């Protein structure tokens, strides 16, 4: 399938999705959200894809926010539907993928852009990245999960500071607070992200899909029971048999 606002590139067992709207600093509009949703659906069913990398075109911006022009005249009903459909089509979908999604944050990640990165399972950032949720400067609050995911990543105090002040934080500060995992020079970002994707892709895809779901439930009362159930379920599957056999035979497993 061809897309207008995103690019897909297959590399071994990984797929790189690049949001390609450089003229608007890769801002999220309705069409881009729909294209991302469609691409993710396809990749979720593609057994040859083990890991997804999400990044933005150029060296200035990952995603500089939502396209404000699209909703500037909305009322309450349309605004609620915008938020709800965004969760369903993209942000919750990323979080609940059966394979890991890594954000390679190559510049500004603001508003919906930071919310997109936070929906991903892992975040690497370039040294020039700036991250923030500026919605209160528009008389709004984050609508794509920012008030929920940011506190889980950095704690309520830092999340409140970022949301209430609308200030941007540096990539280094984001790492210090746990908002991103690692920070690299811009020219190394994608290479380092691919290296991580390669490490993940060589492991059991079935085990990783179960781990994604279990980790997502770690702050609920279902977390421990889900872990126990998945741990037992995996014992009956081929990946566990291959992994244990490879370990005992002192060879690398082939999943």
C-alpha atoms as a PDB file:
ATOM      1  CA  UNK A   1       0.000   0.000   0.000  1.00  0.00           C
ATOM      2  CA  UNK A   2       1.228   3.496  -0.811  1.00  0.00           C
ATOM      3  CA  UNK A   3       0.912   6.428   1.581  1.00  0.00           C
ATOM      4  CA  UNK A   4       1.122  10.188   1.193  1.00  0.00           C
ATOM      5  CA  UNK A   5       2.381  11.210   4.642  1.00  0.00           C
ATOM      6  CA  UNK A   6       4.436   8.262   5.860  1.00  0.00           C
ATOM      7  CA  UNK A   7       7.269   6.132   4.484  1.00  0.00           C
ATOM      8  CA  UNK A   8       7.870   2.447   5.267  1.00  0.00           C
ATOM      9  CA  UNK A   9      11.292   0.844   5.005  1.00  0.00           C
ATOM     10  CA  UNK A  10      11.963  -2.830   5.747  1.00  0.00           C
ATOM     11  CA  UNK A  11      15.354  -3.717   7.250  1.00  0.00           C
ATOM     12  CA  UNK A  12      15.857  -7.363   8.137  1.00  0.00           C
ATOM     13  CA  UNK A  13      13.157  -8.108  10.735  1.00  0.00           C
ATOM     14  CA  UNK A  14      12.381  -4.462  11.486  1.00  0.00           C
ATOM     15  CA  UNK A  15      10.274  -1.834   9.740  1.00  0.00           C
ATOM     16  CA  UNK A  16      11.006   1.887   9.983  1.00  0.00           C
ATOM     17  CA  UNK A  17       7.961   4.151   9.715  1.00  0.00           C
ATOM     18  CA  UNK A  18       8.899   7.745   8.949  1.00  0.00           C
ATOM     19  CA  UNK A  19       6.329  10.502   9.321  1.00  0.00           C
ATOM     20  CA  UNK A  20       7.039  12.561   6.233  1.00  0.00           C
ATOM     21  CA  UNK A  21       5.492  16.031   6.469  1.00  0.00           C
ATOM     22  CA  UNK A  22       8.630  18.183   6.729  1.00  0.00           C
ATOM     23  CA  UNK A  23       6.822  21.318   5.579  1.00  0.00           C
ATOM     24  CA  UNK A  24       4.780  21.207   8.818  1.00  0.00           C
ATOM     25  CA  UNK A  25       7.504  19.711  11.054  1.00  0.00           C
ATOM     26  CA  UNK A  26       5.707  16.365  10.731  1.00  0.00           C
ATOM     27  CA  UNK A  27       2.603  17.598  12.558  1.00  0.00           C
ATOM     28  CA  UNK A  28      -0.129  15.006  13.030  1.00  0.00           C
ATOM     29  CA  UNK A  29      -3.243  15.590  10.989  1.00  0.00           C
ATOM     30  CA  UNK A  30      -6.206  13.275  10.506  1.00  0.00           C
ATOM     31  CA  UNK A  31      -4.795  11.739   7.340  1.00  0.00           C
ATOM     32  CA  UNK A  32      -1.430  10.983   8.955  1.00  0.00           C
ATOM     33  CA  UNK A  33      -3.128   9.360  11.938  1.00  0.00           C
ATOM     34  CA  UNK A  34      -5.213   7.206   9.607  1.00  0.00           C
ATOM     35  CA  UNK A  35      -2.178   6.197   7.538  1.00  0.00           C
ATOM     36  CA  UNK A  36      -0.203   5.296  10.658  1.00  0.00           C
ATOM     37  CA  UNK A  37      -3.137   3.270  11.946  1.00  0.00           C
ATOM     38  CA  UNK A  38      -3.443   1.377   8.674  1.00  0.00           C
ATOM     39  CA  UNK A  39       0.295   0.696   8.476  1.00  0.00           C
ATOM     40  CA  UNK A  40       0.392  -0.585  12.053  1.00  0.00           C
ATOM     41  CA  UNK A  41      -2.524  -2.925  11.403  1.00  0.00           C
ATOM     42  CA  UNK A  42      -0.644  -4.446   8.494  1.00  0.00           C
ATOM     43  CA  UNK A  43       2.623  -4.770  10.385  1.00  0.00           C
ATOM     44  CA  UNK A  44       0.914  -6.318  13.385  1.00  0.00           C
ATOM     45  CA  UNK A  45      -0.158  -9.183  11.115  1.00  0.00           C
ATOM     46  CA  UNK A  46       3.176  -9.427   9.280  1.00  0.00           C
ATOM     47  CA  UNK A  47       5.177 -12.277  10.814  1.00  0.00           C
ATOM     48  CA  UNK A  48       8.350 -11.087   9.070  1.00  0.00           C
ATOM     49  CA  UNK A  49       8.237  -7.842  11.067  1.00  0.00           C
ATOM     50  CA  UNK A  50       9.437  -8.297  14.646  1.00  0.00           C
ATOM     51  CA  UNK A  51      10.075  -4.643  15.657  1.00  0.00           C
ATOM     52  CA  UNK A  52       8.781  -1.259  14.470  1.00  0.00           C
ATOM     53  CA  UNK A  53      10.781   1.979  14.600  1.00  0.00           C
ATOM     54  CA  UNK A  54       8.810   5.221  14.450  1.00  0.00           C
ATOM     55  CA  UNK A  55      10.587   8.459  13.542  1.00  0.00           C
ATOM     56  CA  UNK A  56      10.136  11.774  11.721  1.00  0.00           C
ATOM     57  CA  UNK A  57      11.676  13.054   8.514  1.00  0.00           C
ATOM     58  CA  UNK A  58      14.595  15.475   8.672  1.00  0.00           C
ATOM     59  CA  UNK A  59      16.670  16.528  11.668  1.00  0.00           C
ATOM     60  CA  UNK A  60      14.403  19.159  13.215  1.00  0.00           C
ATOM     61  CA  UNK A  61      11.276  17.364  14.299  1.00  0.00           C
ATOM     62  CA  UNK A  62       9.917  13.982  15.312  1.00  0.00           C
ATOM     63  CA  UNK A  63       6.363  15.334  15.451  1.00  0.00           C
ATOM     64  CA  UNK A  64       5.859  18.974  16.385  1.00  0.00           C
ATOM     65  CA  UNK A  65       2.299  18.423  17.575  1.00  0.00           C
ATOM     66  CA  UNK A  66      -1.183  18.060  16.183  1.00  0.00           C
ATOM     67  CA  UNK A  67      -2.325  20.081  13.194  1.00  0.00           C
ATOM     68  CA  UNK A  68      -4.217  22.808  15.074  1.00  0.00           C
ATOM     69  CA  UNK A  69      -5.866  24.158  11.936  1.00  0.00           C
ATOM     70  CA  UNK A  70      -7.936  20.986  11.683  1.00  0.00           C
ATOM     71  CA  UNK A  71      -9.737  21.450  15.004  1.00  0.00           C
ATOM     72  CA  UNK A  72      -9.574  25.192  15.660  1.00  0.00           C
ATOM     73  CA  UNK A  73     -13.356  25.616  15.282  1.00  0.00           C
ATOM     74  CA  UNK A  74     -14.473  22.403  17.024  1.00  0.00           C
ATOM     75  CA  UNK A  75     -17.024  22.368  19.839  1.00  0.00           C
ATOM     76  CA  UNK A  76     -17.184  19.931  22.739  1.00  0.00           C
ATOM     77  CA  UNK A  77     -18.791  17.011  20.916  1.00  0.00           C
ATOM     78  CA  UNK A  78     -16.402  17.043  17.969  1.00  0.00           C
ATOM     79  CA  UNK A  79     -13.409  17.575  20.269  1.00  0.00           C
ATOM     80  CA  UNK A  80     -14.286  14.556  22.395  1.00  0.00           C
ATOM     81  CA  UNK A  81     -14.683  12.441  19.279  1.00  0.00           C
ATOM     82  CA  UNK A  82     -11.318  13.682  17.988  1.00  0.00           C
ATOM     83  CA  UNK A  83      -9.630  12.576  21.202  1.00  0.00           C
ATOM     84  CA  UNK A  84     -11.479   9.257  21.445  1.00  0.00           C
ATOM     85  CA  UNK A  85     -10.870   8.290  17.828  1.00  0.00           C
ATOM     86  CA  UNK A  86      -7.191   9.219  18.124  1.00  0.00           C
ATOM     87  CA  UNK A  87      -6.775   6.870  21.066  1.00  0.00           C
ATOM     88  CA  UNK A  88      -8.503   4.045  19.234  1.00  0.00           C
ATOM     89  CA  UNK A  89      -6.886   4.526  15.850  1.00  0.00           C
ATOM     90  CA  UNK A  90      -3.318   5.199  16.928  1.00  0.00           C
ATOM     91  CA  UNK A  91      -2.168   5.870  20.482  1.00  0.00           C
ATOM     92  CA  UNK A  92      -3.753   2.915  22.282  1.00  0.00           C
ATOM     93  CA  UNK A  93      -3.105   0.776  19.222  1.00  0.00           C
ATOM     94  CA  UNK A  94       0.644   1.406  19.482  1.00  0.00           C
ATOM     95  CA  UNK A  95       0.690   0.623  23.191  1.00  0.00           C
ATOM     96  CA  UNK A  96      -1.156  -2.661  22.614  1.00  0.00           C
ATOM     97  CA  UNK A  97       0.732  -3.871  19.550  1.00  0.00           C
ATOM     98  CA  UNK A  98       1.887  -7.495  19.622  1.00  0.00           C
ATOM     99  CA  UNK A  99       5.407  -6.341  18.762  1.00  0.00           C
ATOM    100  CA  UNK A 100       7.546  -3.549  20.234  1.00  0.00           C
ATOM    101  CA  UNK A 101       7.422  -0.030  18.814  1.00  0.00           C
ATOM    102  CA  UNK A 102      10.514   2.142  19.387  1.00  0.00           C
ATOM    103  CA  UNK A 103      10.335   5.908  19.001  1.00  0.00           C
ATOM    104  CA  UNK A 104      13.450   7.516  17.500  1.00  0.00           C
ATOM    105  CA  UNK A 105      12.833  11.122  18.550  1.00  0.00           C
ATOM    106  CA  UNK A 106      14.834  13.215  16.094  1.00  0.00           C
ATOM    107  CA  UNK A 107      14.006  16.746  17.225  1.00  0.00           C
ATOM    108  CA  UNK A 108      10.827  18.403  18.489  1.00  0.00           C
ATOM    109  CA  UNK A 109       8.305  16.087  20.160  1.00  0.00           C
ATOM    110  CA  UNK A 110       5.568  18.428  21.291  1.00  0.00           C
ATOM    111  CA  UNK A 111       1.918  17.932  22.178  1.00  0.00           C
ATOM    112  CA  UNK A 112       0.570  15.045  20.135  1.00  0.00           C
ATOM    113  CA  UNK A 113       4.136  14.284  19.074  1.00  0.00           C
ATOM    114  CA  UNK A 114       5.248  13.616  22.637  1.00  0.00           C
ATOM    115  CA  UNK A 115       2.042  11.702  23.253  1.00  0.00           C
ATOM    116  CA  UNK A 116       2.865   9.569  20.210  1.00  0.00           C
ATOM    117  CA  UNK A 117       6.359   8.876  21.539  1.00  0.00           C
ATOM    118  CA  UNK A 118       4.995   8.022  24.985  1.00  0.00           C
ATOM    119  CA  UNK A 119       2.604   5.476  23.463  1.00  0.00           C
ATOM    120  CA  UNK A 120       5.659   3.635  22.102  1.00  0.00           C
ATOM    121  CA  UNK A 121       7.278   0.982  24.262  1.00  0.00           C
ATOM    122  CA  UNK A 122      10.805   2.447  24.168  1.00  0.00           C
ATOM    123  CA  UNK A 123      12.105   5.937  23.388  1.00  0.00           C
ATOM    124  CA  UNK A 124      15.539   6.973  22.087  1.00  0.00           C
ATOM    125  CA  UNK A 125      16.187  10.676  21.460  1.00  0.00           C
ATOM    126  CA  UNK A 126      18.713  12.815  19.618  1.00  0.00           C
ATOM    127  CA  UNK A 127      20.731  15.390  21.537  1.00  0.00           C
ATOM    128  CA  UNK A 128      18.831  18.227  19.852  1.00  0.00           C
ATOM    129  CA  UNK A 129      15.408  16.884  20.830  1.00  0.00           C
ATOM    130  CA  UNK A 130      13.007  19.096  22.758  1.00  0.00           C
ATOM    131  CA  UNK A 131      10.002  17.522  24.445  1.00  0.00           C
ATOM    132  CA  UNK A 132       6.903  19.105  25.926  1.00  0.00           C
ATOM    133  CA  UNK A 133       3.136  19.345  26.241  1.00  0.00           C
ATOM    134  CA  UNK A 134       2.151  22.951  25.439  1.00  0.00           C
ATOM    135  CA  UNK A 135      -1.623  22.425  25.302  1.00  0.00           C
ATOM    136  CA  UNK A 136      -2.448  24.728  28.250  1.00  0.00           C
ATOM    137  CA  UNK A 137      -1.088  27.665  26.236  1.00  0.00           C
ATOM    138  CA  UNK A 138      -4.043  27.038  23.910  1.00  0.00           C
ATOM    139  CA  UNK A 139      -6.521  26.784  26.772  1.00  0.00           C
ATOM    140  CA  UNK A 140      -6.571  22.979  26.431  1.00  0.00           C
ATOM    141  CA  UNK A 141      -5.077  19.879  28.047  1.00  0.00           C
ATOM    142  CA  UNK A 142      -3.347  16.976  26.299  1.00  0.00           C
ATOM    143  CA  UNK A 143      -5.979  14.860  24.571  1.00  0.00           C
ATOM    144  CA  UNK A 144      -4.064  11.854  23.296  1.00  0.00           C
ATOM    145  CA  UNK A 145      -2.972  10.316  26.594  1.00  0.00           C
ATOM    146  CA  UNK A 146      -0.496  12.909  27.853  1.00  0.00           C
ATOM    147  CA  UNK A 147      -2.083  13.333  31.283  1.00  0.00           C
ATOM    148  CA  UNK A 148      -2.083   9.567  31.786  1.00  0.00           C
ATOM    149  CA  UNK A 149       1.157   8.274  30.294  1.00  0.00           C
ATOM    150  CA  UNK A 150       3.500  11.072  31.384  1.00  0.00           C
ATOM    151  CA  UNK A 151       2.927  10.568  35.148  1.00  0.00           C
ATOM    152  CA  UNK A 152       3.566   6.839  34.744  1.00  0.00           C
ATOM    153  CA  UNK A 153       6.913   7.554  33.099  1.00  0.00           C
ATOM    154  CA  UNK A 154       8.247  10.465  35.171  1.00  0.00           C
ATOM    155  CA  UNK A 155       6.035  10.660  38.277  1.00  0.00           C
ATOM    156  CA  UNK A 156       3.187  13.029  39.066  1.00  0.00           C
ATOM    157  CA  UNK A 157       5.352  15.915  40.255  1.00  0.00           C
ATOM    158  CA  UNK A 158       7.441  16.233  37.107  1.00  0.00           C
ATOM    159  CA  UNK A 159       4.416  15.509  34.916  1.00  0.00           C
ATOM    160  CA  UNK A 160       2.468  18.293  36.621  1.00  0.00           C
ATOM    161  CA  UNK A 161       5.389  20.680  36.169  1.00  0.00           C
ATOM    162  CA  UNK A 162       5.661  19.924  32.458  1.00  0.00           C
ATOM    163  CA  UNK A 163       1.917  20.060  31.785  1.00  0.00           C
ATOM    164  CA  UNK A 164       1.104  23.111  33.932  1.00  0.00           C
ATOM    165  CA  UNK A 165       4.086  25.197  32.754  1.00  0.00           C
ATOM    166  CA  UNK A 166       4.018  24.009  29.126  1.00  0.00           C
ATOM    167  CA  UNK A 167       7.803  24.271  29.091  1.00  0.00           C
ATOM    168  CA  UNK A 168       9.960  22.132  26.855  1.00  0.00           C
ATOM    169  CA  UNK A 169      12.644  19.902  28.356  1.00  0.00           C
ATOM    170  CA  UNK A 170      15.939  18.912  26.794  1.00  0.00           C
ATOM    171  CA  UNK A 171      16.749  15.388  25.702  1.00  0.00           C
ATOM    172  CA  UNK A 172      19.194  15.052  28.605  1.00  0.00           C
ATOM    173  CA  UNK A 173      16.561  16.159  31.119  1.00  0.00           C
ATOM    174  CA  UNK A 174      14.127  13.715  29.529  1.00  0.00           C
ATOM    175  CA  UNK A 175      16.622  10.923  30.121  1.00  0.00           C
ATOM    176  CA  UNK A 176      17.216  11.981  33.717  1.00  0.00           C
ATOM    177  CA  UNK A 177      13.496  11.761  34.433  1.00  0.00           C
ATOM    178  CA  UNK A 178      12.923   8.481  32.600  1.00  0.00           C
ATOM    179  CA  UNK A 179      10.945  10.014  29.767  1.00  0.00           C
ATOM    180  CA  UNK A 180      13.458   8.647  27.241  1.00  0.00           C
ATOM    181  CA  UNK A 181      15.763   5.656  27.542  1.00  0.00           C
ATOM    182  CA  UNK A 182      18.878   6.965  25.800  1.00  0.00           C
ATOM    183  CA  UNK A 183      20.201  10.090  24.078  1.00  0.00           C
ATOM    184  CA  UNK A 184      22.524  10.087  21.055  1.00  0.00           C
ATOM    185  CA  UNK A 185      23.949  12.566  18.553  1.00  0.00           C
ATOM    186  CA  UNK A 186      21.462  13.089  15.748  1.00  0.00           C
ATOM    187  CA  UNK A 187      23.690  11.300  13.231  1.00  0.00           C
ATOM    188  CA  UNK A 188      23.806   8.190  15.470  1.00  0.00           C
ATOM    189  CA  UNK A 189      20.174   8.061  16.560  1.00  0.00           C
ATOM    190  CA  UNK A 190      18.745   5.791  13.888  1.00  0.00           C
ATOM    191  CA  UNK A 191      21.785   3.500  13.924  1.00  0.00           C
ATOM    192  CA  UNK A 192      21.524   3.025  17.688  1.00  0.00           C
ATOM    193  CA  UNK A 193      17.778   2.469  17.424  1.00  0.00           C
ATOM    194  CA  UNK A 194      18.316  -0.167  14.740  1.00  0.00           C
ATOM    195  CA  UNK A 195      20.872  -1.888  16.976  1.00  0.00           C
ATOM    196  CA  UNK A 196      18.295  -2.174  19.730  1.00  0.00           C
ATOM    197  CA  UNK A 197      15.688  -3.397  17.255  1.00  0.00           C
ATOM    198  CA  UNK A 198      18.129  -6.091  16.109  1.00  0.00           C
ATOM    199  CA  UNK A 199      18.648  -7.288  19.688  1.00  0.00           C
ATOM    200  CA  UNK A 200      14.900  -7.502  20.221  1.00  0.00           C
ATOM    201  CA  UNK A 201      14.176  -9.143  16.868  1.00  0.00           C
ATOM    202  CA  UNK A 202      16.405 -12.137  17.554  1.00  0.00           C
ATOM    203  CA  UNK A 203      14.354 -13.110  20.615  1.00  0.00           C
ATOM    204  CA  UNK A 204      11.106 -15.073  20.799  1.00  0.00           C
ATOM    205  CA  UNK A 205       8.330 -13.042  19.129  1.00  0.00           C
ATOM    206  CA  UNK A 206       5.662 -14.926  21.059  1.00  0.00           C
ATOM    207  CA  UNK A 207       7.356 -14.258  24.402  1.00  0.00           C
ATOM    208  CA  UNK A 208       7.815 -10.585  23.543  1.00  0.00           C
ATOM    209  CA  UNK A 209       4.160 -10.174  22.548  1.00  0.00           C
ATOM    210  CA  UNK A 210       3.114 -11.641  25.902  1.00  0.00           C
ATOM    211  CA  UNK A 211       5.634  -9.439  27.718  1.00  0.00           C
ATOM    212  CA  UNK A 212       4.270  -6.310  26.009  1.00  0.00           C
ATOM    213  CA  UNK A 213       0.777  -7.054  27.264  1.00  0.00           C
ATOM    214  CA  UNK A 214       1.906  -8.048  30.765  1.00  0.00           C
ATOM    215  CA  UNK A 215       4.006  -4.902  31.196  1.00  0.00           C
ATOM    216  CA  UNK A 216       1.071  -2.776  30.030  1.00  0.00           C
ATOM    217  CA  UNK A 217      -0.928  -4.219  32.945  1.00  0.00           C
ATOM    218  CA  UNK A 218       1.822  -3.676  35.511  1.00  0.00           C
ATOM    219  CA  UNK A 219      -0.018  -0.808  37.206  1.00  0.00           C
ATOM    220  CA  UNK A 220      -3.344  -2.645  37.413  1.00  0.00           C
ATOM    221  CA  UNK A 221      -4.678  -5.377  39.679  1.00  0.00           C
ATOM    222  CA  UNK A 222      -4.488  -7.814  36.747  1.00  0.00           C
ATOM    223  CA  UNK A 223      -0.732  -7.586  36.295  1.00  0.00           C
ATOM    224  CA  UNK A 224       0.529 -10.434  38.465  1.00  0.00           C
ATOM    225  CA  UNK A 225      -2.175 -12.896  37.409  1.00  0.00           C
ATOM    226  CA  UNK A 226      -1.551 -12.053  33.757  1.00  0.00           C
ATOM    227  CA  UNK A 227       2.171 -12.688  34.189  1.00  0.00           C
ATOM    228  CA  UNK A 228       1.516 -16.039  35.865  1.00  0.00           C
ATOM    229  CA  UNK A 229      -0.942 -17.067  33.150  1.00  0.00           C
ATOM    230  CA  UNK A 230       1.346 -16.082  30.262  1.00  0.00           C
ATOM    231  CA  UNK A 231       4.365 -17.693  31.922  1.00  0.00           C
ATOM    232  CA  UNK A 232       2.510 -20.989  32.042  1.00  0.00           C
ATOM    233  CA  UNK A 233       1.002 -20.621  28.567  1.00  0.00           C
ATOM    234  CA  UNK A 234       4.405 -20.133  26.954  1.00  0.00           C
ATOM    235  CA  UNK A 235       5.633 -23.482  28.330  1.00  0.00           C
ATOM    236  CA  UNK A 236       3.375 -25.266  25.839  1.00  0.00           C
ATOM    237  CA  UNK A 237       4.535 -23.307  22.788  1.00  0.00           C
ATOM    238  CA  UNK A 238       7.277 -24.022  20.260  1.00  0.00           C
ATOM    239  CA  UNK A 239       9.340 -20.923  21.076  1.00  0.00           C
ATOM    240  CA  UNK A 240       9.936 -22.124  24.645  1.00  0.00           C
ATOM    241  CA  UNK A 241      10.915 -25.563  23.411  1.00  0.00           C
ATOM    242  CA  UNK A 242      13.384 -24.076  20.918  1.00  0.00           C
ATOM    243  CA  UNK A 243      14.789 -21.621  23.449  1.00  0.00           C
ATOM    244  CA  UNK A 244      15.380 -24.209  26.156  1.00  0.00           C
ATOM    245  CA  UNK A 245      16.786 -26.751  23.685  1.00  0.00           C
ATOM    246  CA  UNK A 246      19.203 -24.156  22.292  1.00  0.00           C
ATOM    247  CA  UNK A 247      20.362 -23.244  25.788  1.00  0.00           C
ATOM    248  CA  UNK A 248      20.988 -26.857  26.752  1.00  0.00           C
ATOM    249  CA  UNK A 249      22.716 -27.554  23.436  1.00  0.00           C
ATOM    250  CA  UNK A 250      24.864 -24.407  23.773  1.00  0.00           C
ATOM    251  CA  UNK A 251      23.700 -22.849  20.503  1.00  0.00           C
ATOM    252  CA  UNK A 252      21.748 -19.759  19.504  1.00  0.00           C
ATOM    253  CA  UNK A 253      17.992 -20.249  19.269  1.00  0.00           C
ATOM    254  CA  UNK A 254      16.219 -19.843  15.951  1.00  0.00           C
ATOM    255  CA  UNK A 255      12.809 -18.275  16.472  1.00  0.00           C
END
